[in-house]
Amino acid sequence: MKIKLVDISNIEKYDLEKMYKIYDEWPKIALNSFDSNQEPINFDNVKHIVFAGMGGSGSIGDIFSSILSKSNIHVNVVKGYLLPTTVNSETLVIVISVSGNTEESLSIVESAYKKKCRIIGFSSGGKLLEFCQKNKIQHRMVNRYHSPRASFTSYLYTILKVLHSSLNIIQEDIFESIKELEKTGQKINSLNLNKDNPALNLANWIEDIPIIYYPFGLEAVAIRFKSVLQENTKSHTIIEDIVESSHNGIMAWEKPSSIQPILLRGKSDSGKTKQRFDLFSEYFQKNNIECKQVISIEGNIISKIVNLIYFLDYASIYLAVRKKTNPTPVNSITFIKSKL
């Protein structure tokens, strides 16, 4: 049975490794990472990028795919062992592994090296660093905080520092996103455990399996939210594209269900996307199905995505505490990795 209130004593009781304290520091970590002495690099004329990584590292690739979705750069995100067949010597392969020992990511960097791709690795050390040093491949060390998922801002903003020029990302947009992180943190962090905390309110609402409906531009956020709910709360989560679900998923609501719908919306969603969300809201209301809406802040795409992730990640920590669950351990993942 869930505890009904989340206060600092409950957080301390169940979040034994103090994950929440790292999240309280996310805005500062983001600023320090982008303001660090990491050496930028400019890969000229980048037309095709492959981001490779798994789990929390892989979510970084999803985010850059969204950030670059309106650019002329073709982006693939690889979460597995195989590179796209289209890669060549002009492809930039960005390999991300917080531990530096992720089996799939090591396979990718080896394949990219054989195919003579341009490569850069980001890790906190491990075999990825060793491979890059041995083969004279660009590599940047990144600070790890607590776990791969909690290290999100450290990795994202270090990569932005090193590659913003190569990716044609405006520095002003990056600084804006950090300022907005600070504002979001004041609302959702552990110093504000009251009814005005929107992340805590969302965690208090979720009682069963959530289904997150998202627009194409926020797919990375939905994937990330699913992942942290699975890891932190040890519970199932469903995500569905709002447009695609209009053609199939909506049918599942014709029978009673304990699934809880969450509408993940962007402030600047297109007219057609807004229409779909409004229709889903109308449908849920007519059928007495309670749903929640999570809406992005105003601002550039980096600000929208990063602040949504901050909000939803923190909600997952609060929900873990409500479930009397330590968010840190990933025993099932460890079991799988031990058998590989």
Protein backbone atom coordinates (compact mmCIF):
# COMPACT_ATOMS: atom_id res chain seq x y z
CA MET A 1 0.00 0.00 0.00
CA LYS A 2 1.29 3.45 -0.93
CA ILE A 3 2.07 6.09 1.62
CA LYS A 4 -0.21 9.08 1.08
CA LEU A 5 2.23 11.87 1.78
CA VAL A 6 5.71 12.55 0.49
CA ASP A 7 7.82 14.54 2.91
CA ILE A 8 11.56 14.72 3.42
CA SER A 9 11.53 11.95 6.04
CA ASN A 10 9.81 9.57 3.61
CA ILE A 11 12.21 10.51 0.83
CA GLU A 12 15.17 9.87 3.12
CA LYS A 13 13.62 6.56 4.20
CA TYR A 14 13.14 5.11 0.71
CA ASP A 15 15.61 6.99 -1.51
CA LEU A 16 18.54 5.45 0.31
CA GLU A 17 21.20 6.51 -2.20
CA LYS A 18 19.92 10.11 -2.23
CA MET A 19 19.05 10.30 -5.91
CA TYR A 20 16.81 13.28 -5.17
CA LYS A 21 19.80 15.35 -4.04
CA ILE A 22 21.39 15.02 -7.48
CA TYR A 23 18.13 16.13 -9.08
CA ASP A 24 18.05 19.17 -6.80
CA GLU A 25 21.43 20.06 -8.33
CA TRP A 26 20.50 19.49 -11.98
CA PRO A 27 20.46 23.19 -12.96
CA LYS A 28 23.88 23.73 -11.35
CA ILE A 29 25.27 20.57 -12.97
CA ALA A 30 23.97 21.72 -16.35
CA LEU A 31 25.62 25.13 -16.02
CA ASN A 32 28.92 23.72 -14.77
CA SER A 33 28.96 21.15 -17.58
CA PHE A 34 28.41 23.71 -20.31
CA ASP A 35 30.72 26.23 -18.64
CA SER A 36 33.49 23.66 -18.19
CA ASN A 37 36.93 23.61 -19.82
CA GLN A 38 35.93 20.78 -22.14
CA GLU A 39 37.55 21.39 -25.52
CA PRO A 40 34.99 21.95 -28.30
CA ILE A 41 35.48 20.24 -31.62
CA ASN A 42 34.15 21.22 -35.02
CA PHE A 43 33.35 18.40 -37.41
CA ASP A 44 32.92 20.15 -40.76
CA ASN A 45 29.91 19.63 -43.03
CA VAL A 46 28.06 17.13 -40.87
CA LYS A 47 25.18 15.67 -42.89
CA HIS A 48 24.62 12.34 -41.17
CA ILE A 49 24.93 11.62 -37.44
CA VAL A 50 24.46 8.38 -35.56
CA PHE A 51 23.93 8.60 -31.80
CA ALA A 52 24.63 5.29 -30.09
CA GLY A 53 23.84 4.42 -26.50
CA MET A 54 21.61 2.36 -24.24
CA GLY A 55 19.31 3.24 -21.34
CA GLY A 56 20.02 6.65 -19.82
CA SER A 57 22.82 7.16 -22.34
CA GLY A 58 20.51 6.27 -25.21
CA SER A 59 17.97 8.89 -24.14
CA ILE A 60 20.56 11.54 -24.99
CA GLY A 61 20.44 10.42 -28.62
CA ASP A 62 16.65 10.64 -28.66
CA ILE A 63 16.86 14.21 -27.42
CA PHE A 64 19.40 15.30 -30.01
CA SER A 65 17.27 13.67 -32.69
CA SER A 66 14.39 15.93 -31.60
CA ILE A 67 16.59 19.01 -31.31
CA LEU A 68 17.96 18.47 -34.82
CA SER A 69 14.66 17.37 -36.38
CA LYS A 70 14.23 20.64 -38.28
CA SER A 71 17.86 20.87 -39.41
CA ASN A 72 19.43 19.52 -42.59
CA ILE A 73 21.27 16.85 -40.60
CA HIS A 74 20.03 13.29 -40.94
CA VAL A 75 20.01 11.63 -37.51
CA ASN A 76 19.84 7.97 -36.56
CA VAL A 77 19.59 6.78 -32.97
CA VAL A 78 21.01 3.30 -32.43
CA LYS A 79 20.08 1.31 -29.34
CA GLY A 80 21.68 -1.98 -30.12
CA TYR A 81 24.65 -3.58 -31.83
CA LEU A 82 24.30 -2.60 -35.50
CA LEU A 83 25.07 0.59 -37.40
CA PRO A 84 22.79 1.65 -40.27
CA THR A 85 24.04 0.34 -43.61
CA THR A 86 24.13 3.93 -44.91
CA VAL A 87 27.09 5.02 -42.77
CA ASN A 88 30.34 5.93 -44.47
CA SER A 89 33.48 8.01 -43.95
CA GLU A 90 31.38 11.19 -43.84
CA THR A 91 29.12 9.93 -41.03
CA LEU A 92 29.69 11.25 -37.52
CA VAL A 93 29.12 8.52 -34.94
CA ILE A 94 28.63 9.78 -31.39
CA VAL A 95 28.95 6.98 -28.85
CA ILE A 96 27.64 7.64 -25.33
CA SER A 97 28.15 5.29 -22.39
CA VAL A 98 28.17 6.59 -18.84
CA SER A 99 30.03 3.53 -17.57
CA GLY A 100 32.13 3.22 -20.72
CA ASN A 101 31.55 -0.54 -20.62
CA THR A 102 28.18 -0.95 -22.33
CA GLU A 103 28.43 -3.97 -24.61
CA GLU A 104 26.23 -2.60 -27.39
CA SER A 105 28.01 0.76 -27.48
CA LEU A 106 31.43 -0.89 -27.66
CA SER A 107 30.22 -2.94 -30.61
CA ILE A 108 29.10 0.25 -32.37
CA VAL A 109 32.38 2.10 -31.89
CA GLU A 110 34.33 -0.89 -33.21
CA SER A 111 32.10 -1.11 -36.29
CA ALA A 112 32.32 2.64 -36.89
CA TYR A 113 36.10 2.48 -36.69
CA LYS A 114 36.22 -0.32 -39.28
CA LYS A 115 33.95 1.68 -41.59
CA LYS A 116 36.23 4.72 -41.20
CA CYS A 117 33.45 6.93 -39.82
CA ARG A 118 34.21 10.08 -37.92
CA ILE A 119 33.80 9.20 -34.25
CA ILE A 120 33.66 10.81 -30.84
CA GLY A 121 33.02 9.01 -27.56
CA PHE A 122 31.62 10.33 -24.29
CA SER A 123 32.00 8.31 -21.08
CA SER A 124 33.26 8.43 -17.52
CA GLY A 125 36.08 6.07 -18.49
CA GLY A 126 35.95 2.33 -19.03
CA LYS A 127 36.58 0.31 -22.19
CA LEU A 128 35.23 3.05 -24.44
CA LEU A 129 37.97 5.40 -23.26
CA GLU A 130 40.58 2.68 -23.72
CA PHE A 131 39.43 1.91 -27.27
CA CYS A 132 39.39 5.58 -28.24
CA GLN A 133 42.87 6.20 -26.81
CA LYS A 134 44.29 3.10 -28.49
CA ASN A 135 42.88 4.06 -31.90
CA LYS A 136 43.38 7.84 -31.62
CA ILE A 137 39.66 8.56 -31.62
CA GLN A 138 38.22 11.74 -30.10
CA HIS A 139 36.91 11.15 -26.59
CA ARG A 140 35.64 13.36 -23.78
CA MET A 141 35.47 12.37 -20.12
CA VAL A 142 32.18 13.29 -18.47
CA ASN A 143 31.35 13.42 -14.78
CA ARG A 144 29.01 10.71 -13.56
CA TYR A 145 26.46 11.58 -10.87
CA HIS A 146 24.82 8.70 -9.00
CA SER A 147 23.59 6.72 -12.06
CA PRO A 148 23.30 7.04 -15.86
CA ARG A 149 19.77 8.44 -15.65
CA ALA A 150 20.69 10.94 -12.93
CA SER A 151 23.74 12.02 -14.97
CA PHE A 152 21.48 13.33 -17.72
CA THR A 153 22.34 17.04 -17.46
CA SER A 154 26.04 16.32 -17.05
CA TYR A 155 26.14 14.38 -20.31
CA LEU A 156 23.70 16.48 -22.31
CA TYR A 157 25.38 19.80 -21.56
CA THR A 158 28.90 18.43 -21.94
CA ILE A 159 27.99 17.15 -25.39
CA LEU A 160 26.39 20.51 -26.18
CA LYS A 161 29.59 22.25 -25.06
CA VAL A 162 31.79 20.04 -27.24
CA LEU A 163 29.57 19.75 -30.33
CA HIS A 164 27.24 22.77 -30.47
CA SER A 165 29.25 24.27 -33.32
CA SER A 166 29.27 21.02 -35.31
CA LEU A 167 25.52 20.68 -34.80
CA ASN A 168 24.74 24.36 -35.49
CA ILE A 169 23.03 24.77 -32.12
CA ILE A 170 22.76 28.35 -30.88
CA GLN A 171 24.47 29.00 -27.55
CA GLU A 172 21.71 31.40 -26.49
CA ASP A 173 19.22 28.53 -26.70
CA ILE A 174 21.44 26.43 -24.44
CA PHE A 175 21.77 29.16 -21.81
CA GLU A 176 18.02 29.79 -21.97
CA SER A 177 17.35 26.12 -21.24
CA ILE A 178 19.60 26.28 -18.16
CA LYS A 179 17.83 29.39 -16.85
CA GLU A 180 14.50 27.64 -17.29
CA LEU A 181 15.87 24.59 -15.46
CA GLU A 182 16.56 26.83 -12.49
CA LYS A 183 12.96 28.10 -12.54
CA THR A 184 11.57 24.58 -12.86
CA GLY A 185 13.79 23.33 -10.04
CA GLN A 186 12.39 25.91 -7.64
CA LYS A 187 8.91 24.50 -8.25
CA ILE A 188 9.61 20.77 -8.14
CA ASN A 189 12.65 20.11 -5.93
CA SER A 190 12.74 18.67 -2.43
CA LEU A 191 12.60 22.12 -0.82
CA ASN A 192 9.06 22.57 -2.12
CA LEU A 193 7.14 19.51 -0.91
CA ASN A 194 3.70 21.07 -0.88
CA LYS A 195 0.56 21.37 -3.01
CA ASP A 196 2.28 23.86 -5.33
CA ASN A 197 4.78 21.22 -6.53
CA PRO A 198 3.47 19.97 -9.92
CA ALA A 199 5.81 16.95 -10.04
CA LEU A 200 4.59 15.85 -6.61
CA ASN A 201 0.97 16.38 -7.67
CA LEU A 202 1.46 14.16 -10.72
CA ALA A 203 3.09 11.47 -8.57
CA ASN A 204 0.17 11.65 -6.13
CA TRP A 205 -2.29 11.14 -9.01
CA ILE A 206 -0.67 8.06 -10.54
CA GLU A 207 -2.12 4.96 -8.90
CA ASP A 208 -1.85 2.37 -11.66
CA ILE A 209 -0.22 1.96 -15.08
CA PRO A 210 0.09 5.30 -16.93
CA ILE A 211 -0.22 5.61 -20.68
CA ILE A 212 1.53 8.68 -22.09
CA TYR A 213 0.22 10.15 -25.34
CA TYR A 214 2.82 12.32 -27.06
CA PRO A 215 3.30 14.33 -30.26
CA PHE A 216 6.15 13.46 -32.64
CA GLY A 217 8.29 16.37 -31.43
CA LEU A 218 8.17 15.16 -27.83
CA GLU A 219 8.76 11.47 -28.47
CA ALA A 220 12.14 11.70 -26.71
CA VAL A 221 10.43 12.97 -23.56
CA ALA A 222 7.88 10.16 -23.60
CA ILE A 223 10.59 7.53 -24.05
CA ARG A 224 12.58 9.03 -21.21
CA PHE A 225 9.54 9.17 -18.89
CA LYS A 226 8.73 5.53 -19.62
CA SER A 227 12.32 4.54 -18.86
CA VAL A 228 12.60 6.36 -15.54
CA LEU A 229 9.21 5.11 -14.37
CA GLN A 230 10.33 1.57 -15.13
CA GLU A 231 13.70 2.01 -13.41
CA ASN A 232 12.70 4.19 -10.48
CA THR A 233 9.24 2.86 -9.62
CA LYS A 234 9.72 -0.70 -10.96
CA SER A 235 6.35 -0.55 -12.73
CA HIS A 236 4.98 -0.90 -16.24
CA THR A 237 4.39 2.15 -18.44
CA ILE A 238 2.90 2.60 -21.92
CA ILE A 239 3.63 5.33 -24.47
CA GLU A 240 1.73 6.04 -27.70
CA ASP A 241 1.98 8.62 -30.48
CA ILE A 242 -1.19 10.72 -30.31
CA VAL A 243 -1.76 10.69 -34.08
CA GLU A 244 -1.15 6.97 -34.56
CA SER A 245 -3.27 6.17 -31.51
CA SER A 246 -6.20 7.95 -33.17
CA HIS A 247 -6.24 5.04 -35.65
CA ASN A 248 -5.96 2.15 -33.20
CA GLY A 249 -5.09 2.77 -29.53
CA ILE A 250 -8.23 4.81 -28.82
CA MET A 251 -10.29 1.63 -29.29
CA ALA A 252 -8.91 0.15 -26.06
CA TRP A 253 -10.89 2.71 -24.07
CA GLU A 254 -14.22 1.21 -25.15
CA LYS A 255 -13.88 -1.19 -22.22
CA PRO A 256 -13.29 -0.24 -18.58
CA SER A 257 -9.62 0.05 -17.67
CA SER A 258 -7.43 1.01 -14.73
CA ILE A 259 -4.85 2.50 -17.10
CA GLN A 260 -4.34 6.24 -16.50
CA PRO A 261 -3.95 8.54 -19.53
CA ILE A 262 -1.47 11.41 -19.52
CA LEU A 263 -1.47 13.89 -22.40
CA LEU A 264 2.05 15.21 -23.03
CA ARG A 265 1.68 18.46 -24.95
CA GLY A 266 3.97 21.12 -26.37
CA LYS A 267 3.21 24.83 -26.21
CA SER A 268 3.80 25.14 -29.95
CA ASP A 269 2.21 21.90 -31.18
CA SER A 270 0.89 22.16 -34.72
CA GLY A 271 -2.80 22.85 -35.31
CA LYS A 272 -3.49 19.25 -36.30
CA THR A 273 -1.69 17.90 -33.23
CA LYS A 274 -3.60 20.26 -30.94
CA GLN A 275 -6.82 19.06 -32.54
CA ARG A 276 -5.97 15.42 -31.73
CA PHE A 277 -5.20 16.24 -28.11
CA ASP A 278 -8.42 18.25 -27.79
CA LEU A 279 -10.41 15.37 -29.26
CA PHE A 280 -8.83 12.89 -26.85
CA SER A 281 -9.61 15.23 -23.95
CA GLU A 282 -13.22 15.50 -25.13
CA TYR A 283 -13.47 11.72 -25.50
CA PHE A 284 -12.10 11.08 -22.02
CA GLN A 285 -14.42 13.67 -20.50
CA LYS A 286 -17.50 12.22 -22.23
CA ASN A 287 -16.61 8.76 -21.00
CA ASN A 288 -15.77 9.81 -17.43
CA ILE A 289 -12.11 8.85 -17.80
CA GLU A 290 -9.85 11.00 -15.66
CA CYS A 291 -6.70 12.17 -17.43
CA LYS A 292 -3.82 14.52 -16.74
CA GLN A 293 -2.22 17.01 -19.07
CA VAL A 294 1.48 17.87 -18.92
CA ILE A 295 2.33 20.91 -21.01
CA SER A 296 5.79 22.18 -21.92
CA ILE A 297 7.08 25.63 -21.07
CA GLU A 298 7.48 28.33 -23.69
CA GLY A 299 10.86 28.58 -25.37
CA ASN A 300 13.19 26.83 -27.77
CA ILE A 301 13.15 23.08 -28.33
CA ILE A 302 16.03 22.41 -25.90
CA SER A 303 14.25 24.31 -23.12
CA LYS A 304 10.98 22.50 -23.74
CA ILE A 305 12.49 19.02 -23.78
CA VAL A 306 14.95 19.41 -20.91
CA ASN A 307 12.45 21.03 -18.57
CA LEU A 308 9.80 18.41 -19.29
CA ILE A 309 12.34 15.71 -18.53
CA TYR A 310 13.32 17.41 -15.28
CA PHE A 311 9.68 17.65 -14.22
CA LEU A 312 8.79 14.07 -15.18
CA ASP A 313 11.99 12.51 -13.82
CA TYR A 314 11.36 14.12 -10.46
CA ALA A 315 7.75 12.92 -10.53
CA SER A 316 9.10 9.37 -10.93
CA ILE A 317 11.23 9.76 -7.80
CA TYR A 318 8.26 11.01 -5.79
CA LEU A 319 6.15 8.15 -7.13
CA ALA A 320 8.83 5.64 -6.13
CA VAL A 321 8.71 7.02 -2.59
CA ARG A 322 4.91 6.76 -2.58
CA LYS A 323 5.30 3.12 -3.62
CA LYS A 324 7.78 2.59 -0.77
CA THR A 325 10.40 1.76 -3.39
CA ASN A 326 14.08 2.65 -3.50
CA PRO A 327 14.48 4.26 -6.96
CA THR A 328 18.18 3.44 -7.34
CA PRO A 329 18.62 -0.37 -7.58
CA VAL A 330 18.32 -1.96 -11.03
CA ASN A 331 18.69 -5.60 -10.05
CA SER A 332 16.87 -7.00 -13.07
CA ILE A 333 19.12 -5.06 -15.45
CA THR A 334 22.13 -6.34 -13.55
CA PHE A 335 20.84 -9.91 -13.93
CA ILE A 336 20.52 -9.54 -17.72
CA LYS A 337 23.96 -7.96 -18.06
CA SER A 338 25.55 -10.69 -15.93
CA LYS A 339 24.32 -13.31 -18.40
CA LEU A 340 25.61 -11.61 -21.55
